[in-house]
PDB file of all heavy atoms in Angstrom:
ATOM      1  N   MET A   1       0.840  -1.210  -0.023  1.00  0.00           N
ATOM      2  CA  MET A   1      -0.023   0.005   0.053  1.00  0.00           C
ATOM      3  C   MET A   1       0.839   1.215  -0.006  1.00  0.00           C
ATOM      4  O   MET A   1       1.673   1.505   0.979  1.00  0.00           O
ATOM      5  CB  MET A   1      -0.926  -0.062   1.230  1.00  0.00           C
ATOM      6  CG  MET A   1      -1.693  -1.212   1.325  1.00  0.00           C
ATOM      7  SD  MET A   1      -2.912  -1.240   2.779  1.00  0.00           S
ATOM      8  CE  MET A   1      -1.901  -1.163   4.145  1.00  0.00           C
ATOM      9  N   ASN A   2       0.820   2.028  -1.133  1.00  0.00           N
ATOM     10  CA  ASN A   2       1.598   3.206  -1.306  1.00  0.00           C
ATOM     11  C   ASN A   2       0.699   4.422  -1.222  1.00  0.00           C
ATOM     12  O   ASN A   2      -0.463   4.293  -1.549  1.00  0.00           O
ATOM     13  CB  ASN A   2       2.401   3.114  -2.400  1.00  0.00           C
ATOM     14  CG  ASN A   2       3.485   1.954  -2.467  1.00  0.00           C
ATOM     15  OD1 ASN A   2       3.977   1.651  -1.473  1.00  0.00           O
ATOM     16  ND2 ASN A   2       3.690   1.345  -3.727  1.00  0.00           N
ATOM     17  N   ASN A   3       1.360   5.560  -1.041  1.00  0.00           N
ATOM     18  CA  ASN A   3       0.560   6.809  -0.904  1.00  0.00           C
ATOM     19  C   ASN A   3      -0.711   6.709  -0.161  1.00  0.00           C
ATOM     20  O   ASN A   3      -1.829   7.142  -0.759  1.00  0.00           O
ATOM     21  CB  ASN A   3       0.297   7.210  -2.476  1.00  0.00           C
ATOM     22  CG  ASN A   3      -0.243   8.617  -2.631  1.00  0.00           C
ATOM     23  OD1 ASN A   3      -0.031   9.413  -1.742  1.00  0.00           O
ATOM     24  ND2 ASN A   3      -0.966   8.908  -3.702  1.00  0.00           N
ATOM     25  N   LEU A   4      -0.582   6.242   0.980  1.00  0.00           N
ATOM     26  CA  LEU A   4      -1.724   6.019   1.820  1.00  0.00           C
ATOM     27  C   LEU A   4      -2.410   7.397   2.136  1.00  0.00           C
ATOM     28  O   LEU A   4      -1.793   8.405   2.264  1.00  0.00           O
ATOM     29  CB  LEU A   4      -1.362   5.307   3.043  1.00  0.00           C
ATOM     30  CG  LEU A   4      -1.132   3.798   2.931  1.00  0.00           C
ATOM     31  CD1 LEU A   4      -0.305   3.177   3.973  1.00  0.00           C
ATOM     32  CD2 LEU A   4      -2.533   3.154   2.785  1.00  0.00           C
ATOM     33  N   LYS A   5      -3.756   7.293   2.267  1.00  0.00           N
ATOM     34  CA  LYS A   5      -4.607   8.429   2.521  1.00  0.00           C
ATOM     35  C   LYS A   5      -5.327   8.187   3.889  1.00  0.00           C
ATOM     36  O   LYS A   5      -5.602   7.015   4.209  1.00  0.00           O
ATOM     37  CB  LYS A   5      -5.623   8.677   1.470  1.00  0.00           C
ATOM     38  CG  LYS A   5      -4.930   8.858   0.051  1.00  0.00           C
ATOM     39  CD  LYS A   5      -5.929   8.954  -0.980  1.00  0.00           C
ATOM     40  CE  LYS A   5      -5.255   9.116  -2.322  1.00  0.00           C
ATOM     41  NZ  LYS A   5      -6.209   9.323  -3.442  1.00  0.00           N
ATOM     42  N   PRO A   6      -5.766   9.247   4.578  1.00  0.00           N
ATOM     43  CA  PRO A   6      -6.520   8.974   5.725  1.00  0.00           C
ATOM     44  C   PRO A   6      -7.790   8.134   5.597  1.00  0.00           C
ATOM     45  O   PRO A   6      -8.205   7.310   6.397  1.00  0.00           O
ATOM     46  CB  PRO A   6      -7.063  10.429   6.211  1.00  0.00           C
ATOM     47  CG  PRO A   6      -5.891  11.278   5.610  1.00  0.00           C
ATOM     48  CD  PRO A   6      -5.543  10.673   4.309  1.00  0.00           C
ATOM     49  N   GLU A   7      -8.440   8.156   4.355  1.00  0.00           N
ATOM     50  CA  GLU A   7      -9.586   7.387   4.110  1.00  0.00           C
ATOM     51  C   GLU A   7      -9.172   5.947   3.951  1.00  0.00           C
ATOM     52  O   GLU A   7     -10.147   5.035   3.804  1.00  0.00           O
ATOM     53  CB  GLU A   7     -10.319   7.863   2.891  1.00  0.00           C
ATOM     54  CG  GLU A   7      -9.448   8.038   1.595  1.00  0.00           C
ATOM     55  CD  GLU A   7      -9.034   9.532   1.522  1.00  0.00           C
ATOM     56  OE1 GLU A   7      -8.709  10.071   2.422  1.00  0.00           O
ATOM     57  OE2 GLU A   7      -8.994  10.020   0.292  1.00  0.00           O
ATOM     58  N   ASP A   8      -7.940   5.594   3.930  1.00  0.00           N
ATOM     59  CA  ASP A   8      -7.477   4.116   3.831  1.00  0.00           C
ATOM     60  C   ASP A   8      -7.577   3.513   5.292  1.00  0.00           C
ATOM     61  O   ASP A   8      -7.352   2.198   5.472  1.00  0.00           O
ATOM     62  CB  ASP A   8      -6.232   4.016   3.282  1.00  0.00           C
ATOM     63  CG  ASP A   8      -6.054   4.307   1.795  1.00  0.00           C
ATOM     64  OD1 ASP A   8      -7.014   4.016   1.152  1.00  0.00           O
ATOM     65  OD2 ASP A   8      -5.067   4.987   1.487  1.00  0.00           O
ATOM     66  N   THR A   9      -7.783   4.269   6.276  1.00  0.00           N
ATOM     67  CA  THR A   9      -7.871   3.906   7.660  1.00  0.00           C
ATOM     68  C   THR A   9      -8.908   2.895   7.878  1.00  0.00           C
ATOM     69  O   THR A   9     -10.056   3.008   7.372  1.00  0.00           O
ATOM     70  CB  THR A   9      -8.096   4.979   8.653  1.00  0.00           C
ATOM     71  OG1 THR A   9      -6.832   5.908   8.579  1.00  0.00           O
ATOM     72  CG2 THR A   9      -8.231   4.550  10.080  1.00  0.00           C
ATOM     73  N   GLY A  10      -8.635   1.745   8.561  1.00  0.00           N
ATOM     74  CA  GLY A  10      -9.622   0.756   8.815  1.00  0.00           C
ATOM     75  C   GLY A  10      -8.967  -0.541   9.281  1.00  0.00           C
ATOM     76  O   GLY A  10      -7.782  -0.602   9.463  1.00  0.00           O
ATOM     77  N   VAL A  11      -9.749  -1.556   9.597  1.00  0.00           N
ATOM     78  CA  VAL A  11      -9.310  -2.851   9.860  1.00  0.00           C
ATOM     79  C   VAL A  11      -9.297  -3.716   8.583  1.00  0.00           C
ATOM     80  O   VAL A  11     -10.348  -3.689   7.833  1.00  0.00           O
ATOM     81  CB  VAL A  11     -10.207  -3.557  10.922  1.00  0.00           C
ATOM     82  CG1 VAL A  11      -9.736  -5.001  11.116  1.00  0.00           C
ATOM     83  CG2 VAL A  11     -10.228  -2.731  12.200  1.00  0.00           C
ATOM     84  N   TYR A  12      -8.115  -4.206   8.236  1.00  0.00           N
ATOM     85  CA  TYR A  12      -8.028  -4.927   6.885  1.00  0.00           C
ATOM     86  C   TYR A  12      -8.052  -6.412   7.252  1.00  0.00           C
ATOM     87  O   TYR A  12      -7.382  -6.960   8.208  1.00  0.00           O
ATOM     88  CB  TYR A  12      -6.625  -4.661   6.369  1.00  0.00           C
ATOM     89  CG  TYR A  12      -6.708  -3.232   5.626  1.00  0.00           C
ATOM     90  CD1 TYR A  12      -6.836  -2.100   6.372  1.00  0.00           C
ATOM     91  CD2 TYR A  12      -6.617  -3.187   4.281  1.00  0.00           C
ATOM     92  CE1 TYR A  12      -6.871  -0.830   5.791  1.00  0.00           C
ATOM     93  CE2 TYR A  12      -6.613  -1.945   3.594  1.00  0.00           C
ATOM     94  CZ  TYR A  12      -6.769  -0.782   4.406  1.00  0.00           C
ATOM     95  OH  TYR A  12      -6.784   0.466   3.637  1.00  0.00           O
ATOM     96  N   TYR A  13      -8.847  -7.182   6.498  1.00  0.00           N
ATOM     97  CA  TYR A  13      -9.115  -8.545   6.677  1.00  0.00           C
ATOM     98  C   TYR A  13      -8.603  -9.246   5.437  1.00  0.00           C
ATOM     99  O   TYR A  13      -8.884  -8.901   4.274  1.00  0.00           O
ATOM    100  CB  TYR A  13     -10.615  -8.841   6.835  1.00  0.00           C
ATOM    101  CG  TYR A  13     -11.182  -8.262   8.002  1.00  0.00           C
ATOM    102  CD1 TYR A  13     -11.773  -6.926   8.058  1.00  0.00           C
ATOM    103  CD2 TYR A  13     -11.234  -8.877   9.265  1.00  0.00           C
ATOM    104  CE1 TYR A  13     -12.297  -6.412   9.194  1.00  0.00           C
ATOM    105  CE2 TYR A  13     -11.754  -8.433  10.469  1.00  0.00           C
ATOM    106  CZ  TYR A  13     -12.312  -7.095  10.380  1.00  0.00           C
ATOM    107  OH  TYR A  13     -12.916  -6.540  11.541  1.00  0.00           O
ATOM    108  N   CYS A  14      -7.979 -10.326   5.685  1.00  0.00           N
ATOM    109  CA  CYS A  14      -7.626 -11.303   4.727  1.00  0.00           C
ATOM    110  C   CYS A  14      -8.724 -12.391   4.515  1.00  0.00           C
ATOM    111  O   CYS A  14      -9.230 -12.941   5.463  1.00  0.00           O
ATOM    112  CB  CYS A  14      -6.167 -11.991   4.847  1.00  0.00           C
ATOM    113  SG  CYS A  14      -5.712 -13.134   3.606  1.00  0.00           S
ATOM    114  N   LYS A  15      -9.110 -12.790   3.287  1.00  0.00           N
ATOM    115  CA  LYS A  15     -10.149 -13.737   3.023  1.00  0.00           C
ATOM    116  C   LYS A  15      -9.680 -14.732   1.985  1.00  0.00           C
ATOM    117  O   LYS A  15      -9.077 -14.363   1.056  1.00  0.00           O
ATOM    118  CB  LYS A  15     -11.466 -13.002   2.463  1.00  0.00           C
ATOM    119  CG  LYS A  15     -12.571 -13.948   2.096  1.00  0.00           C
ATOM    120  CD  LYS A  15     -13.710 -13.104   1.443  1.00  0.00           C
ATOM    121  CE  LYS A  15     -14.751 -13.962   1.059  1.00  0.00           C
ATOM    122  NZ  LYS A  15     -15.888 -13.055   0.429  1.00  0.00           N
ATOM    123  N   ALA A  16      -9.884 -16.028   2.333  1.00  0.00           N
ATOM    124  CA  ALA A  16      -9.322 -16.996   1.486  1.00  0.00           C
ATOM    125  C   ALA A  16     -10.554 -17.954   1.114  1.00  0.00           C
ATOM    126  O   ALA A  16     -11.481 -18.357   1.958  1.00  0.00           O
ATOM    127  CB  ALA A  16      -8.327 -17.915   2.195  1.00  0.00           C
ATOM    128  N   ASP A  17     -10.565 -18.330  -0.171  1.00  0.00           N
ATOM    129  CA  ASP A  17     -11.602 -19.272  -0.640  1.00  0.00           C
ATOM    130  C   ASP A  17     -11.064 -20.671  -0.785  1.00  0.00           C
ATOM    131  O   ASP A  17     -10.316 -20.877  -1.699  1.00  0.00           O
ATOM    132  CB  ASP A  17     -12.135 -18.729  -1.984  1.00  0.00           C
ATOM    133  CG  ASP A  17     -13.013 -19.498  -2.702  1.00  0.00           C
ATOM    134  OD1 ASP A  17     -13.662 -20.504  -2.019  1.00  0.00           O
ATOM    135  OD2 ASP A  17     -13.394 -19.315  -3.866  1.00  0.00           O
ATOM    136  N   LEU A  18     -11.514 -21.436   0.106  1.00  0.00           N
ATOM    137  CA  LEU A  18     -11.002 -22.929  -0.100  1.00  0.00           C
ATOM    138  C   LEU A  18     -12.379 -23.760  -0.355  1.00  0.00           C
ATOM    139  O   LEU A  18     -12.422 -24.894  -0.052  1.00  0.00           O
ATOM    140  CB  LEU A  18     -10.609 -23.383   1.310  1.00  0.00           C
ATOM    141  CG  LEU A  18      -9.140 -23.015   1.670  1.00  0.00           C
ATOM    142  CD1 LEU A  18      -9.032 -21.435   2.117  1.00  0.00           C
ATOM    143  CD2 LEU A  18      -8.567 -23.800   2.677  1.00  0.00           C
ATOM    144  N   GLY A  19     -13.194 -23.111  -1.112  1.00  0.00           N
ATOM    145  CA  GLY A  19     -14.482 -23.853  -1.372  1.00  0.00           C
ATOM    146  C   GLY A  19     -15.453 -23.340  -0.236  1.00  0.00           C
ATOM    147  O   GLY A  19     -16.745 -23.180  -0.565  1.00  0.00           O
ATOM    148  N   ILE A  20     -14.932 -23.037   0.867  1.00  0.00           N
ATOM    149  CA  ILE A  20     -15.616 -22.220   1.932  1.00  0.00           C
ATOM    150  C   ILE A  20     -14.729 -21.014   2.274  1.00  0.00           C
ATOM    151  O   ILE A  20     -13.516 -21.125   2.281  1.00  0.00           O
ATOM    152  CB  ILE A  20     -15.811 -23.140   3.213  1.00  0.00           C
ATOM    153  CG1 ILE A  20     -16.641 -24.388   2.838  1.00  0.00           C
ATOM    154  CG2 ILE A  20     -16.413 -22.376   4.343  1.00  0.00           C
ATOM    155  CD1 ILE A  20     -16.783 -25.338   3.996  1.00  0.00           C
ATOM    156  N   TYR A  21     -15.433 -19.909   2.559  1.00  0.00           N
ATOM    157  CA  TYR A  21     -14.556 -18.716   2.856  1.00  0.00           C
ATOM    158  C   TYR A  21     -14.084 -18.752   4.236  1.00  0.00           C
ATOM    159  O   TYR A  21     -14.843 -19.060   5.193  1.00  0.00           O
ATOM    160  CB  TYR A  21     -15.357 -17.497   2.528  1.00  0.00           C
ATOM    161  CG  TYR A  21     -15.594 -17.144   1.093  1.00  0.00           C
ATOM    162  CD1 TYR A  21     -17.057 -17.084   0.689  1.00  0.00           C
ATOM    163  CD2 TYR A  21     -14.650 -17.058   0.174  1.00  0.00           C
ATOM    164  CE1 TYR A  21     -17.270 -16.867  -0.739  1.00  0.00           C
ATOM    165  CE2 TYR A  21     -14.967 -16.848  -1.150  1.00  0.00           C
ATOM    166  CZ  TYR A  21     -16.246 -16.644  -1.528  1.00  0.00           C
ATOM    167  OH  TYR A  21     -16.446 -16.456  -2.847  1.00  0.00           O
ATOM    168  N   HIS A  22     -12.904 -18.365   4.340  1.00  0.00           N
ATOM    169  CA  HIS A  22     -12.227 -18.239   5.638  1.00  0.00           C
ATOM    170  C   HIS A  22     -11.594 -16.843   5.776  1.00  0.00           C
ATOM    171  O   HIS A  22     -11.025 -16.443   4.909  1.00  0.00           O
ATOM    172  CB  HIS A  22     -11.059 -19.243   5.894  1.00  0.00           C
ATOM    173  CG  HIS A  22     -11.563 -20.782   5.888  1.00  0.00           C
ATOM    174  ND1 HIS A  22     -11.895 -21.459   7.024  1.00  0.00           N
ATOM    175  CD2 HIS A  22     -11.887 -21.490   4.944  1.00  0.00           C
ATOM    176  CE1 HIS A  22     -12.244 -22.602   6.758  1.00  0.00           C
ATOM    177  NE2 HIS A  22     -12.241 -22.755   5.484  1.00  0.00           N
ATOM    178  N   TRP A  23     -11.810 -16.304   7.017  1.00  0.00           N
ATOM    179  CA  TRP A  23     -11.365 -14.882   7.324  1.00  0.00           C
ATOM    180  C   TRP A  23     -10.252 -14.887   8.371  1.00  0.00           C
ATOM    181  O   TRP A  23     -10.316 -15.660   9.214  1.00  0.00           O
ATOM    182  CB  TRP A  23     -12.501 -13.969   7.744  1.00  0.00           C
ATOM    183  CG  TRP A  23     -13.553 -13.661   6.788  1.00  0.00           C
ATOM    184  CD1 TRP A  23     -14.663 -14.499   6.509  1.00  0.00           C
ATOM    185  CD2 TRP A  23     -13.614 -12.652   5.925  1.00  0.00           C
ATOM    186  NE1 TRP A  23     -15.526 -13.836   5.592  1.00  0.00           N
ATOM    187  CE2 TRP A  23     -14.834 -12.745   5.173  1.00  0.00           C
ATOM    188  CE3 TRP A  23     -12.873 -11.414   5.724  1.00  0.00           C
ATOM    189  CZ2 TRP A  23     -15.187 -11.790   4.205  1.00  0.00           C
ATOM    190  CZ3 TRP A  23     -13.308 -10.553   4.720  1.00  0.00           C
ATOM    191  CH2 TRP A  23     -14.493 -10.680   4.092  1.00  0.00           C
ATOM    192  N   GLY A  24      -9.392 -13.935   8.176  1.00  0.00           N
ATOM    193  CA  GLY A  24      -8.479 -13.698   9.278  1.00  0.00           C
ATOM    194  C   GLY A  24      -9.177 -12.754  10.367  1.00  0.00           C
ATOM    195  O   GLY A  24     -10.217 -12.438  10.224  1.00  0.00           O
ATOM    196  N   GLN A  25      -8.364 -12.568  11.411  1.00  0.00           N
ATOM    197  CA  GLN A  25      -8.894 -11.886  12.483  1.00  0.00           C
ATOM    198  C   GLN A  25      -8.858 -10.342  12.219  1.00  0.00           C
ATOM    199  O   GLN A  25      -9.681  -9.579  12.947  1.00  0.00           O
ATOM    200  CB  GLN A  25      -8.011 -12.040  13.791  1.00  0.00           C
ATOM    201  CG  GLN A  25      -8.124 -13.443  14.290  1.00  0.00           C
ATOM    202  CD  GLN A  25      -9.548 -13.709  14.776  1.00  0.00           C
ATOM    203  OE1 GLN A  25     -10.088 -13.010  15.580  1.00  0.00           O
ATOM    204  NE2 GLN A  25     -10.174 -14.771  14.304  1.00  0.00           N
ATOM    205  N   GLY A  26      -8.193  -9.896  11.272  1.00  0.00           N
ATOM    206  CA  GLY A  26      -8.132  -8.396  10.906  1.00  0.00           C
ATOM    207  C   GLY A  26      -7.025  -7.704  11.491  1.00  0.00           C
ATOM    208  O   GLY A  26      -6.428  -8.153  12.571  1.00  0.00           O
ATOM    209  N   ILE A  27      -6.475  -6.694  10.856  1.00  0.00           N
ATOM    210  CA  ILE A  27      -5.318  -5.955  11.283  1.00  0.00           C
ATOM    211  C   ILE A  27      -5.508  -4.443  11.121  1.00  0.00           C
ATOM    212  O   ILE A  27      -6.169  -4.067  10.099  1.00  0.00           O
ATOM    213  CB  ILE A  27      -4.090  -6.407  10.582  1.00  0.00           C
ATOM    214  CG1 ILE A  27      -2.771  -5.970  11.230  1.00  0.00           C
ATOM    215  CG2 ILE A  27      -4.034  -6.232   9.129  1.00  0.00           C
ATOM    216  CD1 ILE A  27      -1.542  -6.677  10.887  1.00  0.00           C
ATOM    217  N   GLN A  28      -5.242  -3.717  12.062  1.00  0.00           N
ATOM    218  CA  GLN A  28      -5.512  -2.177  11.999  1.00  0.00           C
ATOM    219  C   GLN A  28      -4.534  -1.476  11.088  1.00  0.00           C
ATOM    220  O   GLN A  28      -3.188  -1.729  11.225  1.00  0.00           O
ATOM    221  CB  GLN A  28      -5.531  -1.675  13.404  1.00  0.00           C
ATOM    222  CG  GLN A  28      -5.775  -0.166  13.417  1.00  0.00           C
ATOM    223  CD  GLN A  28      -7.259   0.158  13.041  1.00  0.00           C
ATOM    224  OE1 GLN A  28      -8.159  -0.483  13.430  1.00  0.00           O
ATOM    225  NE2 GLN A  28      -7.255   1.246  12.364  1.00  0.00           N
ATOM    226  N   VAL A  29      -5.036  -0.674  10.269  1.00  0.00           N
ATOM    227  CA  VAL A  29      -4.233   0.340   9.492  1.00  0.00           C
ATOM    228  C   VAL A  29      -4.721   1.691   9.764  1.00  0.00           C
ATOM    229  O   VAL A  29      -5.939   1.986   9.638  1.00  0.00           O
ATOM    230  CB  VAL A  29      -4.272  -0.016   7.985  1.00  0.00           C
ATOM    231  CG1 VAL A  29      -3.626   1.095   7.168  1.00  0.00           C
ATOM    232  CG2 VAL A  29      -3.647  -1.378   7.699  1.00  0.00           C
ATOM    233  N   THR A  30      -3.826   2.605  10.247  1.00  0.00           N
ATOM    234  CA  THR A  30      -4.227   3.902  10.577  1.00  0.00           C
ATOM    235  C   THR A  30      -3.405   4.902   9.847  1.00  0.00           C
ATOM    236  O   THR A  30      -2.191   4.779   9.915  1.00  0.00           O
ATOM    237  CB  THR A  30      -4.076   4.215  12.084  1.00  0.00           C
ATOM    238  OG1 THR A  30      -4.905   3.279  12.826  1.00  0.00           O
ATOM    239  CG2 THR A  30      -4.594   5.610  12.444  1.00  0.00           C
ATOM    240  N   VAL A  31      -4.038   5.799   9.073  1.00  0.00           N
ATOM    241  CA  VAL A  31      -3.366   6.788   8.367  1.00  0.00           C
ATOM    242  C   VAL A  31      -3.803   8.141   8.810  1.00  0.00           C
ATOM    243  O   VAL A  31      -4.877   8.577   8.731  1.00  0.00           O
ATOM    244  CB  VAL A  31      -3.592   6.710   6.860  1.00  0.00           C
ATOM    245  CG1 VAL A  31      -2.739   7.710   6.098  1.00  0.00           C
ATOM    246  CG2 VAL A  31      -3.389   5.342   6.312  1.00  0.00           C
ATOM    247  N   SER A  32      -2.915   8.920   9.531  1.00  0.00           N
ATOM    248  CA  SER A  32      -3.182  10.211  10.050  1.00  0.00           C
ATOM    249  C   SER A  32      -1.950  11.043  10.219  1.00  0.00           C
ATOM    250  O   SER A  32      -0.825  10.524  10.345  1.00  0.00           O
ATOM    251  CB  SER A  32      -3.892   9.962  11.354  1.00  0.00           C
ATOM    252  OG  SER A  32      -2.923   9.421  12.300  1.00  0.00           O
ATOM    253  N   PRO A  33      -2.093  12.447  10.144  1.00  0.00           N
ATOM    254  CA  PRO A  33      -0.951  13.260  10.242  1.00  0.00           C
ATOM    255  C   PRO A  33      -0.266  13.105  11.562  1.00  0.00           C
ATOM    256  O   PRO A  33      -0.831  12.829  12.644  1.00  0.00           O
ATOM    257  CB  PRO A  33      -1.625  14.621  10.028  1.00  0.00           C
ATOM    258  CG  PRO A  33      -2.872  14.421   9.394  1.00  0.00           C
ATOM    259  CD  PRO A  33      -3.300  13.057   9.990  1.00  0.00           C
TER     260      PRO A  33
END
């Protein structure tokens, strides 16, 4: 992720399709001055 903006702030989740979807727990990304 380059040139990050404040609106990119959030919890980011990885999702994998193994025939059934699996999610990660999420990871925080914060973009602020």
